[in-house]
C-alpha atoms as a PDB file:
ATOM      1  CA  MET A   1       8.608  19.450 173.454  1.00  0.00           C
ATOM      2  CA  THR A   2       7.810  23.106 173.989  1.00  0.00           C
ATOM      3  CA  ALA A   3       4.848  23.731 176.466  1.00  0.00           C
ATOM      4  CA  LEU A   4       3.090  26.963 175.798  1.00  0.00           C
ATOM      5  CA  ALA A   5       2.264  27.430 179.402  1.00  0.00           C
ATOM      6  CA  ASP A   6       6.064  27.359 180.234  1.00  0.00           C
ATOM      7  CA  GLN A   7       6.950  30.161 177.737  1.00  0.00           C
ATOM      8  CA  VAL A   8       7.392  33.803 178.175  1.00  0.00           C
ATOM      9  CA  TRP A   9       5.999  36.034 175.376  1.00  0.00           C
ATOM     10  CA  PRO A  10       9.304  37.260 173.854  1.00  0.00           C
ATOM     11  CA  ALA A  11      10.058  33.670 173.084  1.00  0.00           C
ATOM     12  CA  LEU A  12       6.994  33.618 171.199  1.00  0.00           C
ATOM     13  CA  ALA A  13       7.346  36.961 169.466  1.00  0.00           C
ATOM     14  CA  THR A  14       8.104  35.404 166.053  1.00  0.00           C
ATOM     15  CA  SER A  15       5.491  33.153 164.439  1.00  0.00           C
ATOM     16  CA  ARG A  16       5.896  29.546 165.305  1.00  0.00           C
ATOM     17  CA  PRO A  17       5.078  26.915 162.795  1.00  0.00           C
ATOM     18  CA  LEU A  18       2.577  24.694 164.695  1.00  0.00           C
ATOM     19  CA  LEU A  19       0.338  24.823 167.883  1.00  0.00           C
ATOM     20  CA  ILE A  20      -1.189  21.544 169.083  1.00  0.00           C
ATOM     21  CA  VAL A  21      -4.194  21.895 171.427  1.00  0.00           C
ATOM     22  CA  PRO A  22      -5.539  18.937 173.337  1.00  0.00           C
ATOM     23  CA  LEU A  23      -9.213  18.681 173.660  1.00  0.00           C
ATOM     24  CA  GLY A  24     -10.791  16.601 176.484  1.00  0.00           C
ATOM     25  CA  SER A  25     -13.643  16.405 178.676  1.00  0.00           C
ATOM     26  CA  THR A  26     -14.609  15.990 182.386  1.00  0.00           C
ATOM     27  CA  GLU A  27     -17.057  13.101 182.421  1.00  0.00           C
ATOM     28  CA  GLN A  28     -17.773   9.691 183.882  1.00  0.00           C
ATOM     29  CA  HIS A  29     -15.683   6.957 182.569  1.00  0.00           C
ATOM     30  CA  GLY A  30     -17.323   3.924 184.325  1.00  0.00           C
ATOM     31  CA  PRO A  31     -16.620   2.886 187.923  1.00  0.00           C
ATOM     32  CA  HIS A  32     -12.871   2.393 187.189  1.00  0.00           C
ATOM     33  CA  LEU A  33     -11.432   5.308 185.142  1.00  0.00           C
ATOM     34  CA  PRO A  34     -11.025   8.938 186.222  1.00  0.00           C
ATOM     35  CA  MET A  35     -13.098  11.738 185.016  1.00  0.00           C
ATOM     36  CA  SER A  36     -10.149  13.342 183.265  1.00  0.00           C
ATOM     37  CA  THR A  37      -9.589  10.292 180.963  1.00  0.00           C
ATOM     38  CA  ASP A  38     -10.116  11.985 177.682  1.00  0.00           C
ATOM     39  CA  THR A  39      -8.170  15.017 178.779  1.00  0.00           C
ATOM     40  CA  ASP A  40      -5.329  12.896 179.851  1.00  0.00           C
ATOM     41  CA  ILE A  41      -5.347  10.871 176.625  1.00  0.00           C
ATOM     42  CA  ALA A  42      -5.445  14.036 174.561  1.00  0.00           C
ATOM     43  CA  THR A  43      -2.670  15.643 176.567  1.00  0.00           C
ATOM     44  CA  ALA A  44      -0.394  12.422 176.101  1.00  0.00           C
ATOM     45  CA  LEU A  45      -0.833  12.313 172.497  1.00  0.00           C
ATOM     46  CA  SER A  46      -0.177  15.922 171.935  1.00  0.00           C
ATOM     47  CA  ARG A  47       2.901  15.925 173.948  1.00  0.00           C
ATOM     48  CA  ARG A  48       4.199  12.779 172.391  1.00  0.00           C
ATOM     49  CA  ALA A  49       3.666  14.228 168.958  1.00  0.00           C
ATOM     50  CA  GLY A  50       5.198  17.664 169.992  1.00  0.00           C
ATOM     51  CA  GLU A  51       8.320  15.809 170.771  1.00  0.00           C
ATOM     52  CA  ALA A  52       8.520  14.497 167.302  1.00  0.00           C
ATOM     53  CA  LEU A  53       7.588  17.572 165.311  1.00  0.00           C
ATOM     54  CA  ASP A  54      10.138  20.317 164.925  1.00  0.00           C
ATOM     55  CA  GLY A  55       8.999  23.588 166.205  1.00  0.00           C
ATOM     56  CA  ALA A  56       5.720  22.355 167.516  1.00  0.00           C
ATOM     57  CA  VAL A  57       4.316  24.011 170.651  1.00  0.00           C
ATOM     58  CA  VAL A  58       1.658  22.140 172.797  1.00  0.00           C
ATOM     59  CA  ALA A  59      -1.026  24.191 174.445  1.00  0.00           C
ATOM     60  CA  PRO A  60      -2.690  23.662 177.815  1.00  0.00           C
ATOM     61  CA  ALA A  61      -5.519  21.145 177.461  1.00  0.00           C
ATOM     62  CA  LEU A  62      -9.266  22.240 177.343  1.00  0.00           C
ATOM     63  CA  PRO A  63     -10.537  19.909 180.106  1.00  0.00           C
ATOM     64  CA  TYR A  64     -14.407  20.657 179.309  1.00  0.00           C
ATOM     65  CA  GLY A  65     -16.259  19.436 176.260  1.00  0.00           C
ATOM     66  CA  SER A  66     -19.785  18.338 174.995  1.00  0.00           C
ATOM     67  CA  SER A  67     -20.676  15.570 177.337  1.00  0.00           C
ATOM     68  CA  GLY A  68     -24.422  15.832 177.740  1.00  0.00           C
ATOM     69  CA  GLU A  69     -24.777  12.216 176.910  1.00  0.00           C
ATOM     70  CA  HIS A  70     -23.089  11.450 180.260  1.00  0.00           C
ATOM     71  CA  GLN A  71     -24.951  14.009 182.482  1.00  0.00           C
ATOM     72  CA  ALA A  72     -27.021  11.322 184.182  1.00  0.00           C
ATOM     73  CA  PHE A  73     -23.601  10.167 185.931  1.00  0.00           C
ATOM     74  CA  ALA A  74     -22.446  12.241 188.945  1.00  0.00           C
ATOM     75  CA  GLY A  75     -19.421  14.488 188.332  1.00  0.00           C
ATOM     76  CA  THR A  76     -19.860  15.049 184.599  1.00  0.00           C
ATOM     77  CA  LEU A  77     -19.303  18.739 183.655  1.00  0.00           C
ATOM     78  CA  SER A  78     -20.442  19.555 180.131  1.00  0.00           C
ATOM     79  CA  ILE A  79     -20.372  22.815 178.369  1.00  0.00           C
ATOM     80  CA  GLY A  80     -22.525  21.819 175.374  1.00  0.00           C
ATOM     81  CA  GLN A  81     -21.827  21.762 171.663  1.00  0.00           C
ATOM     82  CA  ALA A  82     -22.571  25.480 171.042  1.00  0.00           C
ATOM     83  CA  ALA A  83     -20.049  26.502 173.821  1.00  0.00           C
ATOM     84  CA  VAL A  84     -17.318  24.165 172.450  1.00  0.00           C
ATOM     85  CA  GLU A  85     -17.752  25.442 168.924  1.00  0.00           C
ATOM     86  CA  LEU A  86     -17.662  29.151 169.954  1.00  0.00           C
ATOM     87  CA  LEU A  87     -14.816  28.551 172.202  1.00  0.00           C
ATOM     88  CA  LEU A  88     -12.633  26.884 169.426  1.00  0.00           C
ATOM     89  CA  VAL A  89     -13.607  29.680 166.907  1.00  0.00           C
ATOM     90  CA  GLU A  90     -12.289  32.424 169.310  1.00  0.00           C
ATOM     91  CA  LEU A  91      -9.250  30.274 170.189  1.00  0.00           C
ATOM     92  CA  VAL A  92      -8.254  29.621 166.628  1.00  0.00           C
ATOM     93  CA  ARG A  93      -8.640  33.343 165.771  1.00  0.00           C
ATOM     94  CA  SER A  94      -6.409  34.307 168.531  1.00  0.00           C
ATOM     95  CA  ALA A  95      -3.854  31.699 168.183  1.00  0.00           C
ATOM     96  CA  SER A  96      -3.421  32.399 164.423  1.00  0.00           C
ATOM     97  CA  ALA A  97      -1.935  35.628 165.412  1.00  0.00           C
ATOM     98  CA  THR A  98       1.259  33.875 166.677  1.00  0.00           C
ATOM     99  CA  PHE A  99       1.022  30.224 165.108  1.00  0.00           C
ATOM    100  CA  ASP A 100       0.941  29.445 161.389  1.00  0.00           C
ATOM    101  CA  ARG A 101      -0.760  26.163 161.776  1.00  0.00           C
ATOM    102  CA  LEU A 102      -3.055  24.670 164.508  1.00  0.00           C
ATOM    103  CA  VAL A 103      -4.139  21.043 165.000  1.00  0.00           C
ATOM    104  CA  LEU A 104      -6.785  20.193 167.662  1.00  0.00           C
ATOM    105  CA  VAL A 105      -6.373  16.895 169.113  1.00  0.00           C
ATOM    106  CA  SER A 106      -9.666  15.577 170.399  1.00  0.00           C
ATOM    107  CA  ALA A 107      -9.999  12.398 172.626  1.00  0.00           C
ATOM    108  CA  HIS A 108     -13.661  12.849 173.245  1.00  0.00           C
ATOM    109  CA  GLY A 109     -16.154  11.509 170.674  1.00  0.00           C
ATOM    110  CA  GLY A 110     -18.836  14.056 171.826  1.00  0.00           C
ATOM    111  CA  ASN A 111     -16.615  16.845 170.751  1.00  0.00           C
ATOM    112  CA  GLU A 112     -16.455  15.579 167.051  1.00  0.00           C
ATOM    113  CA  GLU A 113     -19.539  17.692 165.735  1.00  0.00           C
ATOM    114  CA  PRO A 114     -18.751  21.046 167.336  1.00  0.00           C
ATOM    115  CA  VAL A 115     -14.977  20.573 166.622  1.00  0.00           C
ATOM    116  CA  GLY A 116     -15.768  19.897 162.877  1.00  0.00           C
ATOM    117  CA  ARG A 117     -18.004  22.828 162.588  1.00  0.00           C
ATOM    118  CA  ALA A 118     -15.536  25.133 164.119  1.00  0.00           C
ATOM    119  CA  VAL A 119     -12.595  23.903 161.938  1.00  0.00           C
ATOM    120  CA  ARG A 120     -14.791  24.353 158.910  1.00  0.00           C
ATOM    121  CA  ARG A 121     -15.685  27.988 159.741  1.00  0.00           C
ATOM    122  CA  MET A 122     -12.208  28.784 160.656  1.00  0.00           C
ATOM    123  CA  ARG A 123     -10.839  27.315 157.420  1.00  0.00           C
ATOM    124  CA  ALA A 124     -13.388  29.319 155.503  1.00  0.00           C
ATOM    125  CA  GLU A 125     -11.970  32.514 157.260  1.00  0.00           C
ATOM    126  CA  GLY A 126      -8.511  31.504 155.993  1.00  0.00           C
ATOM    127  CA  HIS A 127      -6.960  29.991 159.097  1.00  0.00           C
ATOM    128  CA  ASP A 128      -4.947  26.955 158.546  1.00  0.00           C
ATOM    129  CA  VAL A 129      -6.491  24.501 161.196  1.00  0.00           C
ATOM    130  CA  ARG A 130      -7.062  20.765 161.244  1.00  0.00           C
ATOM    131  CA  ALA A 131      -8.632  18.368 163.790  1.00  0.00           C
ATOM    132  CA  TRP A 132      -7.449  14.924 164.648  1.00  0.00           C
ATOM    133  CA  SER A 133      -8.811  12.085 166.839  1.00  0.00           C
ATOM    134  CA  PRO A 134      -7.447   8.755 167.924  1.00  0.00           C
ATOM    135  CA  ALA A 135     -10.768   7.179 167.263  1.00  0.00           C
ATOM    136  CA  HIS A 136      -9.688   6.776 163.655  1.00  0.00           C
ATOM    137  CA  VAL A 137      -6.861   4.554 164.703  1.00  0.00           C
ATOM    138  CA  TRP A 138      -8.300   2.733 167.699  1.00  0.00           C
ATOM    139  CA  ARG A 139     -11.013   0.702 166.399  1.00  0.00           C
ATOM    140  CA  GLY A 140     -12.936  -1.009 169.125  1.00  0.00           C
ATOM    141  CA  ASP A 141     -15.249  -0.259 172.154  1.00  0.00           C
ATOM    142  CA  ALA A 142     -16.509   3.198 172.440  1.00  0.00           C
ATOM    143  CA  HIS A 143     -16.287   4.373 176.123  1.00  0.00           C
ATOM    144  CA  ALA A 144     -14.322   3.282 179.122  1.00  0.00           C
ATOM    145  CA  GLY A 145     -13.748  -0.239 177.664  1.00  0.00           C
ATOM    146  CA  ARG A 146     -10.735  -2.103 176.842  1.00  0.00           C
ATOM    147  CA  ILE A 147      -9.208   0.534 174.640  1.00  0.00           C
ATOM    148  CA  GLU A 148      -9.371   3.649 177.146  1.00  0.00           C
ATOM    149  CA  THR A 149      -8.647   1.206 180.117  1.00  0.00           C
ATOM    150  CA  SER A 150      -5.368  -0.023 178.527  1.00  0.00           C
ATOM    151  CA  VAL A 151      -4.308   3.487 177.578  1.00  0.00           C
ATOM    152  CA  MET A 152      -4.877   4.714 181.103  1.00  0.00           C
ATOM    153  CA  LEU A 153      -3.118   1.835 182.680  1.00  0.00           C
ATOM    154  CA  ALA A 154      -0.047   2.830 180.405  1.00  0.00           C
ATOM    155  CA  LEU A 155      -0.387   6.461 181.161  1.00  0.00           C
ATOM    156  CA  ASP A 156      -1.044   6.454 185.010  1.00  0.00           C
ATOM    157  CA  GLY A 157      -1.875   2.969 186.332  1.00  0.00           C
ATOM    158  CA  GLY A 158      -2.346   4.142 189.948  1.00  0.00           C
ATOM    159  CA  ARG A 159      -5.509   6.103 189.024  1.00  0.00           C
ATOM    160  CA  VAL A 160      -7.161   3.019 187.438  1.00  0.00           C
ATOM    161  CA  ARG A 161      -9.525   0.971 189.874  1.00  0.00           C
ATOM    162  CA  LEU A 162      -9.149  -2.232 187.896  1.00  0.00           C
ATOM    163  CA  ALA A 163     -10.979  -4.210 190.548  1.00  0.00           C
ATOM    164  CA  ASP A 164     -13.898  -2.114 189.830  1.00  0.00           C
ATOM    165  CA  ALA A 165     -13.803  -2.627 186.093  1.00  0.00           C
ATOM    166  CA  ALA A 166     -16.814  -4.203 184.595  1.00  0.00           C
ATOM    167  CA  PRO A 167     -18.533  -4.814 181.080  1.00  0.00           C
ATOM    168  CA  GLY A 168     -21.253  -2.310 180.287  1.00  0.00           C
ATOM    169  CA  ASP A 169     -23.347  -2.463 176.884  1.00  0.00           C
ATOM    170  CA  THR A 170     -21.060  -4.374 174.551  1.00  0.00           C
ATOM    171  CA  ARG A 171     -22.903  -3.904 171.281  1.00  0.00           C
ATOM    172  CA  PRO A 172     -21.278  -1.899 168.450  1.00  0.00           C
ATOM    173  CA  LEU A 173     -21.911   1.831 168.771  1.00  0.00           C
ATOM    174  CA  ASP A 174     -24.129   1.925 165.517  1.00  0.00           C
ATOM    175  CA  GLU A 175     -26.417  -0.359 167.226  1.00  0.00           C
ATOM    176  CA  VAL A 176     -27.086   1.781 170.183  1.00  0.00           C
ATOM    177  CA  LEU A 177     -26.664   5.209 168.746  1.00  0.00           C
ATOM    178  CA  ASP A 178     -30.318   5.927 168.444  1.00  0.00           C
ATOM    179  CA  ALA A 179     -30.898   5.037 172.126  1.00  0.00           C
ATOM    180  CA  LEU A 180     -27.876   7.148 173.236  1.00  0.00           C
ATOM    181  CA  ARG A 181     -29.116  10.204 171.386  1.00  0.00           C
ATOM    182  CA  ALA A 182     -32.487   9.742 172.886  1.00  0.00           C
ATOM    183  CA  GLY A 183     -31.694   8.949 176.421  1.00  0.00           C
ATOM    184  CA  GLY A 184     -27.916   9.226 176.963  1.00  0.00           C
ATOM    185  CA  VAL A 185     -25.472   6.705 178.099  1.00  0.00           C
ATOM    186  CA  ARG A 186     -27.448   5.750 181.141  1.00  0.00           C
ATOM    187  CA  ALA A 187     -30.232   4.400 178.778  1.00  0.00           C
ATOM    188  CA  VAL A 188     -28.023   1.679 177.604  1.00  0.00           C
ATOM    189  CA  SER A 189     -25.448   1.091 180.265  1.00  0.00           C
ATOM    190  CA  ALA A 190     -25.977   1.263 183.970  1.00  0.00           C
ATOM    191  CA  ASN A 191     -22.337   1.580 184.794  1.00  0.00           C
ATOM    192  CA  GLY A 192     -21.392   4.088 182.071  1.00  0.00           C
ATOM    193  CA  VAL A 193     -19.261   1.675 180.087  1.00  0.00           C
ATOM    194  CA  LEU A 194     -19.752   1.081 176.396  1.00  0.00           C
ATOM    195  CA  GLY A 195     -17.668  -2.015 175.959  1.00  0.00           C
ATOM    196  CA  ASP A 196     -15.680  -4.493 178.035  1.00  0.00           C
ATOM    197  CA  PRO A 197     -12.577  -3.432 180.055  1.00  0.00           C
ATOM    198  CA  THR A 198     -11.802  -7.105 180.650  1.00  0.00           C
ATOM    199  CA  GLY A 199      -8.340  -8.044 179.594  1.00  0.00           C
ATOM    200  CA  ALA A 200      -6.876  -4.364 179.318  1.00  0.00           C
ATOM    201  CA  SER A 201      -3.282  -4.198 179.909  1.00  0.00           C
ATOM    202  CA  ARG A 202      -0.460  -1.647 180.267  1.00  0.00           C
ATOM    203  CA  ALA A 203       1.280  -3.251 177.330  1.00  0.00           C
ATOM    204  CA  GLU A 204      -1.636  -2.906 175.071  1.00  0.00           C
ATOM    205  CA  GLY A 205      -2.030   0.846 176.097  1.00  0.00           C
ATOM    206  CA  GLU A 206       1.598   1.398 175.151  1.00  0.00           C
ATOM    207  CA  THR A 207       1.052  -0.119 171.642  1.00  0.00           C
ATOM    208  CA  LEU A 208      -2.152   1.992 171.224  1.00  0.00           C
ATOM    209  CA  LEU A 209      -0.252   5.075 172.267  1.00  0.00           C
ATOM    210  CA  ARG A 210       2.437   4.471 169.832  1.00  0.00           C
ATOM    211  CA  SER A 211       0.209   3.710 166.948  1.00  0.00           C
ATOM    212  CA  ALA A 212      -1.817   6.803 167.611  1.00  0.00           C
ATOM    213  CA  THR A 213       1.125   9.034 167.970  1.00  0.00           C
ATOM    214  CA  THR A 214       2.612   7.746 164.694  1.00  0.00           C
ATOM    215  CA  ALA A 215      -0.606   8.340 162.825  1.00  0.00           C
ATOM    216  CA  LEU A 216      -0.905  11.961 164.403  1.00  0.00           C
ATOM    217  CA  VAL A 217       2.547  12.843 163.519  1.00  0.00           C
ATOM    218  CA  ALA A 218       2.307  11.496 160.029  1.00  0.00           C
ATOM    219  CA  ALA A 219      -0.914  13.448 159.552  1.00  0.00           C
ATOM    220  CA  VAL A 220       0.649  16.614 160.596  1.00  0.00           C
ATOM    221  CA  ARG A 221       3.820  16.102 158.535  1.00  0.00           C
ATOM    222  CA  ASP A 222       1.644  15.365 155.450  1.00  0.00           C
ATOM    223  CA  TRP A 223      -0.923  18.157 156.126  1.00  0.00           C
ATOM    224  CA  PRO A 224      -3.384  16.739 153.542  1.00  0.00           C
ATOM    225  CA  ASP A 225      -5.499  19.099 151.432  1.00  0.00           C
ATOM    226  CA  THR A 226      -8.832  17.875 152.926  1.00  0.00           C
ATOM    227  CA  ASP A 227     -11.932  19.672 153.943  1.00  0.00           C
ATOM    228  CA  GLY A 228     -10.088  20.144 157.268  1.00  0.00           C
ATOM    229  CA  ALA A 229     -12.833  18.501 159.479  1.00  0.00           C
ATOM    230  CA  TRP A 230     -10.717  15.425 160.519  1.00  0.00           C
ATOM    231  CA  LEU A 231      -7.287  14.312 159.596  1.00  0.00           C
END
């Protein structure tokens, strides 16, 4: 894998085929997962995909996103949808001077709308950019539940406070979406969890990481002719 942060400019003076940009957040993930969970996951998937894709370069992660729904929980840092969209528009314009294609790997659901808008705008300008999320591979609880807990156990188990893990609101996301939009996560879950981390395991996390990496690599290799919003 080639990490952009480790390169010097002469090594990048000729256009490279692909830049992978991890998009995360700094937000609460219940009483048991670190604030960097989304960023850690996006980074891990980007690096694993970068190892499998010839010529791919992995950019430093963007650790802030649109996380207003978590603002009632201490430590959450949100820059809002408008800032995320504008940041990505300028980033894609700049990166396109060096890289032929860009894929934005977002592991935070709250980024989906601004990322989608930014990608559509950039594609309309002629930039070859796509966005991808593991949410389309990992079907299950929405936030700090079994899926994210298992993945974090696989990535860095020492940072998971498993003894503090407890279920939150376990209803399907579509059943709580209106309440979430009106009052944020606190309105439906006192501990910030949307799901149930019970039963999470490192082994399950490794399986989830493999399945998502396989899907991401396949999507980039196929580079389908879609509207460019989400692979």
